[in-house]
Amino acid sequence: MIYKSLCIFSQNVQKNKNLTSIILETEKNTSDIIFIQEPPRYLIKYIPSPHNCDGEPIYDHPSHPEWFTLARPANNQDDIP
């Protein structure tokens, strides 16, 4: 695909899940790349763990079917990408 122009949208969402979802939806037809600063991260569920009787938490970010996420994976719970 050849682009004559490239539209980039950048926004600090201050960990706001609703704002992130709105941006992903409204920018799907006008932007080619979206940079989200301070994306929200929320607990999805706990998975069984041999090290923790309560289980290991799994976190994720809001997503949208029109976009895919590129982010550095977290090394631990305190290492937020």
PDB file of N, CA and C in Angstrom:
ATOM      1  N   MET A   1       0.841  -1.161   0.000  1.00  0.00           N
ATOM      2  CA  MET A   1       0.000   0.000   0.000  1.00  0.00           C
ATOM      3  C   MET A   1       0.899   1.240   0.000  1.00  0.00           C
ATOM      4  N   ILE A   2       0.618   2.180  -0.846  1.00  0.00           N
ATOM      5  CA  ILE A   2       1.396   3.411  -0.950  1.00  0.00           C
ATOM      6  C   ILE A   2       0.570   4.562  -0.384  1.00  0.00           C
ATOM      7  N   TYR A   3       1.154   5.259   0.564  1.00  0.00           N
ATOM      8  CA  TYR A   3       0.497   6.414   1.165  1.00  0.00           C
ATOM      9  C   TYR A   3       1.044   7.694   0.546  1.00  0.00           C
ATOM     10  N   LYS A   4       0.153   8.595   0.199  1.00  0.00           N
ATOM     11  CA  LYS A   4       0.578   9.920  -0.238  1.00  0.00           C
ATOM     12  C   LYS A   4       0.766  10.816   0.971  1.00  0.00           C
ATOM     13  N   SER A   5       0.058  10.523   2.028  1.00  0.00           N
ATOM     14  CA  SER A   5       0.220  11.242   3.285  1.00  0.00           C
ATOM     15  C   SER A   5      -0.018  10.265   4.436  1.00  0.00           C
ATOM     16  N   LEU A   6       0.488  10.612   5.564  1.00  0.00           N
ATOM     17  CA  LEU A   6       0.360   9.773   6.753  1.00  0.00           C
ATOM     18  C   LEU A   6      -0.175  10.644   7.877  1.00  0.00           C
ATOM     19  N   CYS A   7      -1.301  10.243   8.444  1.00  0.00           N
ATOM     20  CA  CYS A   7      -1.924  11.020   9.512  1.00  0.00           C
ATOM     21  C   CYS A   7      -1.640  10.334  10.853  1.00  0.00           C
ATOM     22  N   ILE A   8      -0.999  11.065  11.754  1.00  0.00           N
ATOM     23  CA  ILE A   8      -0.647  10.546  13.075  1.00  0.00           C
ATOM     24  C   ILE A   8      -1.398  11.337  14.130  1.00  0.00           C
ATOM     25  N   PHE A   9      -2.040  10.618  15.032  1.00  0.00           N
ATOM     26  CA  PHE A   9      -2.776  11.235  16.143  1.00  0.00           C
ATOM     27  C   PHE A   9      -2.072  10.841  17.434  1.00  0.00           C
ATOM     28  N   SER A  10      -1.837  11.807  18.309  1.00  0.00           N
ATOM     29  CA  SER A  10      -1.165  11.545  19.580  1.00  0.00           C
ATOM     30  C   SER A  10      -1.963  12.192  20.707  1.00  0.00           C
ATOM     31  N   GLN A  11      -2.146  11.441  21.796  1.00  0.00           N
ATOM     32  CA  GLN A  11      -2.944  11.962  22.906  1.00  0.00           C
ATOM     33  C   GLN A  11      -2.496  11.333  24.219  1.00  0.00           C
ATOM     34  N   ASN A  12      -2.396  12.145  25.256  1.00  0.00           N
ATOM     35  CA  ASN A  12      -2.200  11.641  26.608  1.00  0.00           C
ATOM     36  C   ASN A  12      -3.587  11.440  27.191  1.00  0.00           C
ATOM     37  N   VAL A  13      -3.950  10.205  27.468  1.00  0.00           N
ATOM     38  CA  VAL A  13      -5.302   9.914  27.965  1.00  0.00           C
ATOM     39  C   VAL A  13      -5.355   9.819  29.481  1.00  0.00           C
ATOM     40  N   GLN A  14      -4.215   9.977  30.145  1.00  0.00           N
ATOM     41  CA  GLN A  14      -4.139   9.974  31.610  1.00  0.00           C
ATOM     42  C   GLN A  14      -4.846   8.764  32.219  1.00  0.00           C
ATOM     43  N   LYS A  15      -4.604   7.600  31.628  1.00  0.00           N
ATOM     44  CA  LYS A  15      -5.131   6.309  32.108  1.00  0.00           C
ATOM     45  C   LYS A  15      -6.654   6.228  32.101  1.00  0.00           C
ATOM     46  N   ASN A  16      -7.295   6.998  31.238  1.00  0.00           N
ATOM     47  CA  ASN A  16      -8.753   7.031  31.150  1.00  0.00           C
ATOM     48  C   ASN A  16      -9.219   6.016  30.102  1.00  0.00           C
ATOM     49  N   LYS A  17      -9.884   4.969  30.559  1.00  0.00           N
ATOM     50  CA  LYS A  17     -10.340   3.890  29.675  1.00  0.00           C
ATOM     51  C   LYS A  17     -11.393   4.379  28.674  1.00  0.00           C
ATOM     52  N   ASN A  18     -12.349   5.196  29.127  1.00  0.00           N
ATOM     53  CA  ASN A  18     -13.395   5.686  28.227  1.00  0.00           C
ATOM     54  C   ASN A  18     -12.832   6.580  27.136  1.00  0.00           C
ATOM     55  N   LEU A  19     -11.927   7.484  27.494  1.00  0.00           N
ATOM     56  CA  LEU A  19     -11.323   8.369  26.508  1.00  0.00           C
ATOM     57  C   LEU A  19     -10.526   7.569  25.476  1.00  0.00           C
ATOM     58  N   THR A  20      -9.827   6.561  25.931  1.00  0.00           N
ATOM     59  CA  THR A  20      -9.062   5.709  25.006  1.00  0.00           C
ATOM     60  C   THR A  20      -9.992   5.023  24.017  1.00  0.00           C
ATOM     61  N   SER A  21     -11.084   4.476  24.492  1.00  0.00           N
ATOM     62  CA  SER A  21     -12.043   3.805  23.617  1.00  0.00           C
ATOM     63  C   SER A  21     -12.659   4.781  22.615  1.00  0.00           C
ATOM     64  N   ILE A  22     -12.956   5.987  23.060  1.00  0.00           N
ATOM     65  CA  ILE A  22     -13.525   7.002  22.164  1.00  0.00           C
ATOM     66  C   ILE A  22     -12.525   7.370  21.076  1.00  0.00           C
ATOM     67  N   ILE A  23     -11.276   7.565  21.440  1.00  0.00           N
ATOM     68  CA  ILE A  23     -10.241   7.908  20.451  1.00  0.00           C
ATOM     69  C   ILE A  23     -10.074   6.793  19.436  1.00  0.00           C
ATOM     70  N   LEU A  24     -10.008   5.557  19.895  1.00  0.00           N
ATOM     71  CA  LEU A  24      -9.842   4.434  18.975  1.00  0.00           C
ATOM     72  C   LEU A  24     -11.003   4.351  17.977  1.00  0.00           C
ATOM     73  N   GLU A  25     -12.189   4.665  18.422  1.00  0.00           N
ATOM     74  CA  GLU A  25     -13.357   4.612  17.535  1.00  0.00           C
ATOM     75  C   GLU A  25     -13.406   5.810  16.591  1.00  0.00           C
ATOM     76  N   THR A  26     -13.230   7.004  17.113  1.00  0.00           N
ATOM     77  CA  THR A  26     -13.397   8.197  16.283  1.00  0.00           C
ATOM     78  C   THR A  26     -12.254   8.425  15.306  1.00  0.00           C
ATOM     79  N   GLU A  27     -11.077   7.933  15.605  1.00  0.00           N
ATOM     80  CA  GLU A  27      -9.924   8.153  14.734  1.00  0.00           C
ATOM     81  C   GLU A  27      -9.697   7.027  13.722  1.00  0.00           C
ATOM     82  N   LYS A  28     -10.550   6.021  13.715  1.00  0.00           N
ATOM     83  CA  LYS A  28     -10.325   4.867  12.839  1.00  0.00           C
ATOM     84  C   LYS A  28     -10.386   5.215  11.353  1.00  0.00           C
ATOM     85  N   ASN A  29     -11.139   6.234  10.973  1.00  0.00           N
ATOM     86  CA  ASN A  29     -11.254   6.604   9.564  1.00  0.00           C
ATOM     87  C   ASN A  29     -10.382   7.789   9.166  1.00  0.00           C
ATOM     88  N   THR A  30      -9.766   8.449  10.147  1.00  0.00           N
ATOM     89  CA  THR A  30      -9.000   9.650   9.830  1.00  0.00           C
ATOM     90  C   THR A  30      -7.511   9.534  10.130  1.00  0.00           C
ATOM     91  N   SER A  31      -7.118   8.595  10.975  1.00  0.00           N
ATOM     92  CA  SER A  31      -5.710   8.472  11.364  1.00  0.00           C
ATOM     93  C   SER A  31      -5.139   7.134  10.929  1.00  0.00           C
ATOM     94  N   ASP A  32      -3.840   7.158  10.614  1.00  0.00           N
ATOM     95  CA  ASP A  32      -3.139   5.932  10.250  1.00  0.00           C
ATOM     96  C   ASP A  32      -2.409   5.337  11.451  1.00  0.00           C
ATOM     97  N   ILE A  33      -1.912   6.194  12.319  1.00  0.00           N
ATOM     98  CA  ILE A  33      -1.183   5.774  13.515  1.00  0.00           C
ATOM     99  C   ILE A  33      -1.709   6.585  14.685  1.00  0.00           C
ATOM    100  N   ILE A  34      -1.917   5.912  15.823  1.00  0.00           N
ATOM    101  CA  ILE A  34      -2.323   6.601  17.043  1.00  0.00           C
ATOM    102  C   ILE A  34      -1.298   6.290  18.122  1.00  0.00           C
ATOM    103  N   PHE A  35      -0.774   7.343  18.724  1.00  0.00           N
ATOM    104  CA  PHE A  35       0.104   7.193  19.876  1.00  0.00           C
ATOM    105  C   PHE A  35      -0.702   7.530  21.116  1.00  0.00           C
ATOM    106  N   ILE A  36      -0.790   6.575  22.045  1.00  0.00           N
ATOM    107  CA  ILE A  36      -1.505   6.791  23.299  1.00  0.00           C
ATOM    108  C   ILE A  36      -0.474   6.868  24.418  1.00  0.00           C
ATOM    109  N   GLN A  37      -0.423   8.027  25.067  1.00  0.00           N
ATOM    110  CA  GLN A  37       0.466   8.195  26.201  1.00  0.00           C
ATOM    111  C   GLN A  37      -0.327   7.946  27.469  1.00  0.00           C
ATOM    112  N   GLU A  38       0.276   7.274  28.435  1.00  0.00           N
ATOM    113  CA  GLU A  38      -0.362   6.877  29.690  1.00  0.00           C
ATOM    114  C   GLU A  38      -1.637   6.068  29.440  1.00  0.00           C
ATOM    115  N   PRO A  39      -1.534   4.960  28.690  1.00  0.00           N
ATOM    116  CA  PRO A  39      -2.739   4.156  28.439  1.00  0.00           C
ATOM    117  C   PRO A  39      -3.254   3.511  29.724  1.00  0.00           C
ATOM    118  N   PRO A  40      -4.564   3.325  29.813  1.00  0.00           N
ATOM    119  CA  PRO A  40      -5.101   2.644  30.993  1.00  0.00           C
ATOM    120  C   PRO A  40      -4.719   1.168  30.978  1.00  0.00           C
ATOM    121  N   ARG A  41      -4.572   0.617  32.132  1.00  0.00           N
ATOM    122  CA  ARG A  41      -4.265  -0.799  32.274  1.00  0.00           C
ATOM    123  C   ARG A  41      -5.195  -1.324  33.358  1.00  0.00           C
ATOM    124  N   TYR A  42      -5.904  -2.382  33.065  1.00  0.00           N
ATOM    125  CA  TYR A  42      -6.873  -2.874  34.033  1.00  0.00           C
ATOM    126  C   TYR A  42      -6.767  -4.390  34.169  1.00  0.00           C
ATOM    127  N   LEU A  43      -7.211  -4.870  35.315  1.00  0.00           N
ATOM    128  CA  LEU A  43      -7.169  -6.291  35.628  1.00  0.00           C
ATOM    129  C   LEU A  43      -8.230  -7.026  34.822  1.00  0.00           C
ATOM    130  N   ILE A  44      -7.818  -8.092  34.135  1.00  0.00           N
ATOM    131  CA  ILE A  44      -8.764  -8.919  33.395  1.00  0.00           C
ATOM    132  C   ILE A  44      -9.225 -10.081  34.265  1.00  0.00           C
ATOM    133  N   LYS A  45      -8.252 -10.829  34.791  1.00  0.00           N
ATOM    134  CA  LYS A  45      -8.591 -11.973  35.638  1.00  0.00           C
ATOM    135  C   LYS A  45      -7.334 -12.489  36.314  1.00  0.00           C
ATOM    136  N   TYR A  46      -7.515 -13.436  37.209  1.00  0.00           N
ATOM    137  CA  TYR A  46      -6.399 -14.132  37.848  1.00  0.00           C
ATOM    138  C   TYR A  46      -6.290 -15.519  37.243  1.00  0.00           C
ATOM    139  N   ILE A  47      -5.075 -15.945  36.978  1.00  0.00           N
ATOM    140  CA  ILE A  47      -4.856 -17.296  36.446  1.00  0.00           C
ATOM    141  C   ILE A  47      -4.138 -18.128  37.500  1.00  0.00           C
ATOM    142  N   PRO A  48      -4.329 -19.445  37.505  1.00  0.00           N
ATOM    143  CA  PRO A  48      -3.680 -20.302  38.492  1.00  0.00           C
ATOM    144  C   PRO A  48      -2.157 -20.147  38.457  1.00  0.00           C
ATOM    145  N   SER A  49      -1.563 -20.216  39.641  1.00  0.00           N
ATOM    146  CA  SER A  49      -0.126 -20.063  39.752  1.00  0.00           C
ATOM    147  C   SER A  49       0.422 -20.987  40.830  1.00  0.00           C
ATOM    148  N   PRO A  50       1.565 -21.624  40.570  1.00  0.00           N
ATOM    149  CA  PRO A  50       2.179 -22.452  41.609  1.00  0.00           C
ATOM    150  C   PRO A  50       2.880 -21.605  42.682  1.00  0.00           C
ATOM    151  N   HIS A  51       3.059 -20.312  42.415  1.00  0.00           N
ATOM    152  CA  HIS A  51       3.780 -19.425  43.330  1.00  0.00           C
ATOM    153  C   HIS A  51       2.863 -18.569  44.193  1.00  0.00           C
ATOM    154  N   ASN A  52       1.600 -18.442  43.793  1.00  0.00           N
ATOM    155  CA  ASN A  52       0.676 -17.560  44.497  1.00  0.00           C
ATOM    156  C   ASN A  52      -0.673 -18.267  44.612  1.00  0.00           C
ATOM    157  N   CYS A  53      -1.133 -18.498  45.837  1.00  0.00           N
ATOM    158  CA  CYS A  53      -2.393 -19.236  46.019  1.00  0.00           C
ATOM    159  C   CYS A  53      -3.596 -18.446  45.509  1.00  0.00           C
ATOM    160  N   ASP A  54      -3.484 -17.120  45.427  1.00  0.00           N
ATOM    161  CA  ASP A  54      -4.576 -16.303  44.894  1.00  0.00           C
ATOM    162  C   ASP A  54      -4.560 -16.242  43.371  1.00  0.00           C
ATOM    163  N   GLY A  55      -3.473 -16.697  42.760  1.00  0.00           N
ATOM    164  CA  GLY A  55      -3.339 -16.657  41.311  1.00  0.00           C
ATOM    165  C   GLY A  55      -2.536 -15.447  40.858  1.00  0.00           C
ATOM    166  N   GLU A  56      -2.104 -15.463  39.607  1.00  0.00           N
ATOM    167  CA  GLU A  56      -1.346 -14.359  39.028  1.00  0.00           C
ATOM    168  C   GLU A  56      -2.298 -13.452  38.259  1.00  0.00           C
ATOM    169  N   PRO A  57      -2.218 -12.136  38.495  1.00  0.00           N
ATOM    170  CA  PRO A  57      -3.115 -11.223  37.775  1.00  0.00           C
ATOM    171  C   PRO A  57      -2.694 -11.047  36.323  1.00  0.00           C
ATOM    172  N   ILE A  58      -3.679 -10.932  35.438  1.00  0.00           N
ATOM    173  CA  ILE A  58      -3.452 -10.640  34.025  1.00  0.00           C
ATOM    174  C   ILE A  58      -4.064  -9.264  33.743  1.00  0.00           C
ATOM    175  N   TYR A  59      -3.244  -8.369  33.195  1.00  0.00           N
ATOM    176  CA  TYR A  59      -3.677  -7.006  32.875  1.00  0.00           C
ATOM    177  C   TYR A  59      -3.698  -6.813  31.368  1.00  0.00           C
ATOM    178  N   ASP A  60      -4.521  -5.860  30.917  1.00  0.00           N
ATOM    179  CA  ASP A  60      -4.564  -5.528  29.489  1.00  0.00           C
ATOM    180  C   ASP A  60      -4.982  -4.076  29.316  1.00  0.00           C
ATOM    181  N   HIS A  61      -4.924  -3.617  28.065  1.00  0.00           N
ATOM    182  CA  HIS A  61      -5.309  -2.268  27.676  1.00  0.00           C
ATOM    183  C   HIS A  61      -6.566  -2.343  26.819  1.00  0.00           C
ATOM    184  N   PRO A  62      -7.326  -1.254  26.706  1.00  0.00           N
ATOM    185  CA  PRO A  62      -8.474  -1.249  25.790  1.00  0.00           C
ATOM    186  C   PRO A  62      -8.011  -1.539  24.359  1.00  0.00           C
ATOM    187  N   SER A  63      -8.846  -2.206  23.612  1.00  0.00           N
ATOM    188  CA  SER A  63      -8.509  -2.531  22.225  1.00  0.00           C
ATOM    189  C   SER A  63      -9.698  -2.220  21.326  1.00  0.00           C
ATOM    190  N   HIS A  64      -9.436  -2.299  20.020  1.00  0.00           N
ATOM    191  CA  HIS A  64     -10.469  -2.014  19.024  1.00  0.00           C
ATOM    192  C   HIS A  64     -10.175  -2.904  17.823  1.00  0.00           C
ATOM    193  N   PRO A  65     -11.186  -3.469  17.174  1.00  0.00           N
ATOM    194  CA  PRO A  65     -10.932  -4.387  16.054  1.00  0.00           C
ATOM    195  C   PRO A  65     -10.265  -3.738  14.848  1.00  0.00           C
ATOM    196  N   GLU A  66     -10.326  -2.409  14.725  1.00  0.00           N
ATOM    197  CA  GLU A  66      -9.708  -1.716  13.589  1.00  0.00           C
ATOM    198  C   GLU A  66      -8.219  -1.418  13.817  1.00  0.00           C
ATOM    199  N   TRP A  67      -7.737  -1.617  15.043  1.00  0.00           N
ATOM    200  CA  TRP A  67      -6.366  -1.264  15.404  1.00  0.00           C
ATOM    201  C   TRP A  67      -5.652  -2.464  15.988  1.00  0.00           C
ATOM    202  N   PHE A  68      -4.324  -2.466  15.898  1.00  0.00           N
ATOM    203  CA  PHE A  68      -3.554  -3.444  16.654  1.00  0.00           C
ATOM    204  C   PHE A  68      -2.530  -2.703  17.491  1.00  0.00           C
ATOM    205  N   THR A  69      -2.168  -3.294  18.623  1.00  0.00           N
ATOM    206  CA  THR A  69      -1.322  -2.641  19.606  1.00  0.00           C
ATOM    207  C   THR A  69       0.133  -3.044  19.438  1.00  0.00           C
ATOM    208  N   LEU A  70       0.985  -2.062  19.484  1.00  0.00           N
ATOM    209  CA  LEU A  70       2.431  -2.292  19.541  1.00  0.00           C
ATOM    210  C   LEU A  70       2.910  -1.694  20.855  1.00  0.00           C
ATOM    211  N   ALA A  71       3.378  -2.544  21.750  1.00  0.00           N
ATOM    212  CA  ALA A  71       3.862  -2.073  23.047  1.00  0.00           C
ATOM    213  C   ALA A  71       4.907  -3.039  23.566  1.00  0.00           C
ATOM    214  N   ARG A  72       5.814  -2.500  24.316  1.00  0.00           N
ATOM    215  CA  ARG A  72       6.822  -3.329  24.973  1.00  0.00           C
ATOM    216  C   ARG A  72       6.123  -4.139  26.053  1.00  0.00           C
ATOM    217  N   PRO A  73       6.374  -5.448  26.120  1.00  0.00           N
ATOM    218  CA  PRO A  73       5.727  -6.240  27.164  1.00  0.00           C
ATOM    219  C   PRO A  73       6.277  -5.882  28.552  1.00  0.00           C
ATOM    220  N   ALA A  74       5.411  -5.940  29.537  1.00  0.00           N
ATOM    221  CA  ALA A  74       5.823  -5.642  30.912  1.00  0.00           C
ATOM    222  C   ALA A  74       6.643  -6.805  31.462  1.00  0.00           C
ATOM    223  N   ASN A  75       7.691  -6.459  32.205  1.00  0.00           N
ATOM    224  CA  ASN A  75       8.528  -7.505  32.828  1.00  0.00           C
ATOM    225  C   ASN A  75       7.932  -7.995  34.136  1.00  0.00           C
ATOM    226  N   ASN A  76       7.184  -7.145  34.797  1.00  0.00           N
ATOM    227  CA  ASN A  76       6.522  -7.530  36.037  1.00  0.00           C
ATOM    228  C   ASN A  76       5.321  -6.609  36.255  1.00  0.00           C
ATOM    229  N   GLN A  77       4.635  -6.764  37.368  1.00  0.00           N
ATOM    230  CA  GLN A  77       3.414  -6.005  37.617  1.00  0.00           C
ATOM    231  C   GLN A  77       3.670  -4.505  37.722  1.00  0.00           C
ATOM    232  N   ASP A  78       4.842  -4.105  38.235  1.00  0.00           N
ATOM    233  CA  ASP A  78       5.152  -2.689  38.404  1.00  0.00           C
ATOM    234  C   ASP A  78       5.753  -2.057  37.160  1.00  0.00           C
ATOM    235  N   ASP A  79       6.136  -2.856  36.179  1.00  0.00           N
ATOM    236  CA  ASP A  79       6.755  -2.367  34.953  1.00  0.00           C
ATOM    237  C   ASP A  79       5.666  -2.153  33.903  1.00  0.00           C
ATOM    238  N   ILE A  80       5.089  -0.966  33.902  1.00  0.00           N
ATOM    239  CA  ILE A  80       3.990  -0.656  32.990  1.00  0.00           C
ATOM    240  C   ILE A  80       4.569  -0.086  31.697  1.00  0.00           C
ATOM    241  N   PRO A  81       4.258  -0.684  30.552  1.00  0.00           N
ATOM    242  CA  PRO A  81       4.782  -0.151  29.283  1.00  0.00           C
ATOM    243  C   PRO A  81       4.220   1.220  28.952  1.00  0.00           C
TER     244      PRO A  81
END
